[in-house]
Structure formats: C-alpha cells, structure tokens
Amino acid sequence: MAQSPVSFVITMAWLSNSISDSSSKRAVAIAFVNSFSCLGDIGGSYLWIASWGPSYSKSYVICILAAVITTTMLWVYRSHLVRLNKAARIPL
C-alpha cells in the first residue's frame, strides 16, 4: 500500500496528457480522479477493524480487490486510447 502515492502521481500525469480536448474538460477529469482517490483514504481507516485482527485477512482481501479493480479500469482505459489512436491514423 506504500506504492499508492506513486501510482497516483503517474495516473494523474497520464490522465492530463491523454485528454486532449479543452482545458476545462481536462480540469474536470483531473478533479474527478482526485476526488475518487481521496475516497480510499477515508474508507481505509474503516477497513482495519480490531475484531478482524490479528491477521486482518478480510482487510487485505478488500485492498487486493481494490487494486485489481483499479488495474482493470486502467487497462480498459488504455485499450480505449489504443482504439482511438488506430482510428485517428491517416492511411498513406
């Protein structure tokens, strides 16, 4: 979980460079991602319930599922960008 701030910075840089429409649309997308990243900080404190300890296996499963869902969503977004790039190519 210590790598999440690093992945957040990389995701923000990728997002700001991949949205090429207007600057207002880019700002809304960055604000959307930023607000959802804060939800993890809020909900994270409720995942480590003392009655689930000392192994906290349920807490770890929730964290792993969140990482898998995030990775899947980023892969889908990357696939979408690849399709858009292929469609934008001009045949020679």
Protein backbone atom coordinates (compact mmCIF):
# COMPACT_ATOMS: atom_id res chain seq x y z
CA MET A 1 0.00 0.00 0.00
CA ALA A 2 3.02 2.27 0.25
CA GLN A 3 3.13 2.45 -3.54
CA SER A 4 -0.30 4.06 -3.90
CA PRO A 5 1.00 7.68 -3.78
CA VAL A 6 3.44 6.83 -6.57
CA SER A 7 0.74 5.28 -8.73
CA PHE A 8 -1.48 8.29 -8.07
CA VAL A 9 1.15 10.68 -9.46
CA ILE A 10 1.70 8.50 -12.54
CA THR A 11 -2.04 8.20 -13.15
CA MET A 12 -2.51 11.96 -12.88
CA ALA A 13 0.30 12.60 -15.35
CA TRP A 14 -1.12 10.01 -17.76
CA LEU A 15 -4.60 11.45 -17.45
CA SER A 16 -3.55 15.04 -18.01
CA ASN A 17 -1.63 14.06 -21.13
CA SER A 18 -4.25 11.74 -22.61
CA ILE A 19 -7.20 14.16 -22.56
CA SER A 20 -6.58 16.49 -25.46
CA ASP A 21 -9.91 18.28 -25.63
CA SER A 22 -10.47 21.58 -23.88
CA SER A 23 -8.66 22.62 -20.75
CA SER A 24 -11.94 22.70 -18.83
CA LYS A 25 -12.62 19.05 -19.72
CA ARG A 26 -9.10 18.13 -18.60
CA ALA A 27 -9.62 20.01 -15.31
CA VAL A 28 -12.89 18.17 -14.65
CA ALA A 29 -11.25 14.80 -15.34
CA ILE A 30 -8.36 15.58 -13.00
CA ALA A 31 -10.78 16.74 -10.28
CA PHE A 32 -12.84 13.56 -10.76
CA VAL A 33 -9.81 11.30 -10.34
CA ASN A 34 -8.52 13.36 -7.43
CA SER A 35 -11.83 13.16 -5.57
CA PHE A 36 -12.08 9.39 -6.04
CA SER A 37 -8.51 8.91 -4.84
CA CYS A 38 -9.43 10.63 -1.58
CA LEU A 39 -12.22 8.12 -1.00
CA GLY A 40 -9.59 5.45 -0.41
CA ASP A 41 -8.07 7.49 2.38
CA ILE A 42 -11.45 7.97 4.01
CA GLY A 43 -12.59 4.37 3.69
CA GLY A 44 -9.20 2.88 4.51
CA SER A 45 -9.46 3.72 8.17
CA TYR A 46 -12.63 1.63 8.45
CA LEU A 47 -11.09 -1.47 6.84
CA TRP A 48 -8.83 -2.41 9.69
CA ILE A 49 -11.42 -3.37 12.31
CA ALA A 50 -9.97 -4.74 15.55
CA SER A 51 -12.32 -7.74 15.53
CA TRP A 52 -10.79 -8.84 12.18
CA GLY A 53 -7.30 -8.97 13.70
CA PRO A 54 -4.65 -10.09 14.25
CA SER A 55 -4.39 -11.49 10.70
CA TYR A 56 -6.68 -8.89 9.07
CA SER A 57 -7.22 -11.23 6.14
CA LYS A 58 -10.55 -9.58 5.23
CA SER A 59 -8.85 -6.19 5.18
CA TYR A 60 -6.12 -7.45 2.88
CA VAL A 61 -8.67 -9.06 0.55
CA ILE A 62 -10.51 -5.75 0.26
CA CYS A 63 -7.26 -3.92 -0.52
CA ILE A 64 -6.26 -6.52 -3.12
CA LEU A 65 -9.69 -6.34 -4.75
CA ALA A 66 -9.45 -2.55 -4.92
CA ALA A 67 -6.03 -2.83 -6.58
CA VAL A 68 -7.34 -5.39 -9.10
CA ILE A 69 -10.38 -3.26 -9.94
CA THR A 70 -8.18 -0.19 -10.40
CA THR A 71 -5.74 -2.07 -12.61
CA THR A 72 -8.61 -3.42 -14.71
CA MET A 73 -10.12 0.04 -15.13
CA LEU A 74 -6.77 1.46 -16.22
CA TRP A 75 -6.30 -1.39 -18.71
CA VAL A 76 -9.76 -0.70 -20.18
CA TYR A 77 -8.90 3.00 -20.48
CA ARG A 78 -5.60 2.15 -22.16
CA SER A 79 -7.40 -0.15 -24.62
CA HIS A 80 -9.81 2.66 -25.40
CA LEU A 81 -6.91 5.02 -26.10
CA VAL A 82 -5.26 2.44 -28.37
CA ARG A 83 -8.51 2.11 -30.37
CA LEU A 84 -8.79 5.88 -30.68
CA ASN A 85 -5.19 6.13 -31.89
CA LYS A 86 -5.78 3.43 -34.51
CA ALA A 87 -8.92 5.21 -35.72
CA ALA A 88 -7.11 8.55 -35.94
CA ARG A 89 -4.29 7.26 -38.16
CA ILE A 90 -4.36 8.59 -41.67
CA PRO A 91 -3.62 5.94 -44.31
CA LEU A 92 -0.64 6.73 -46.54
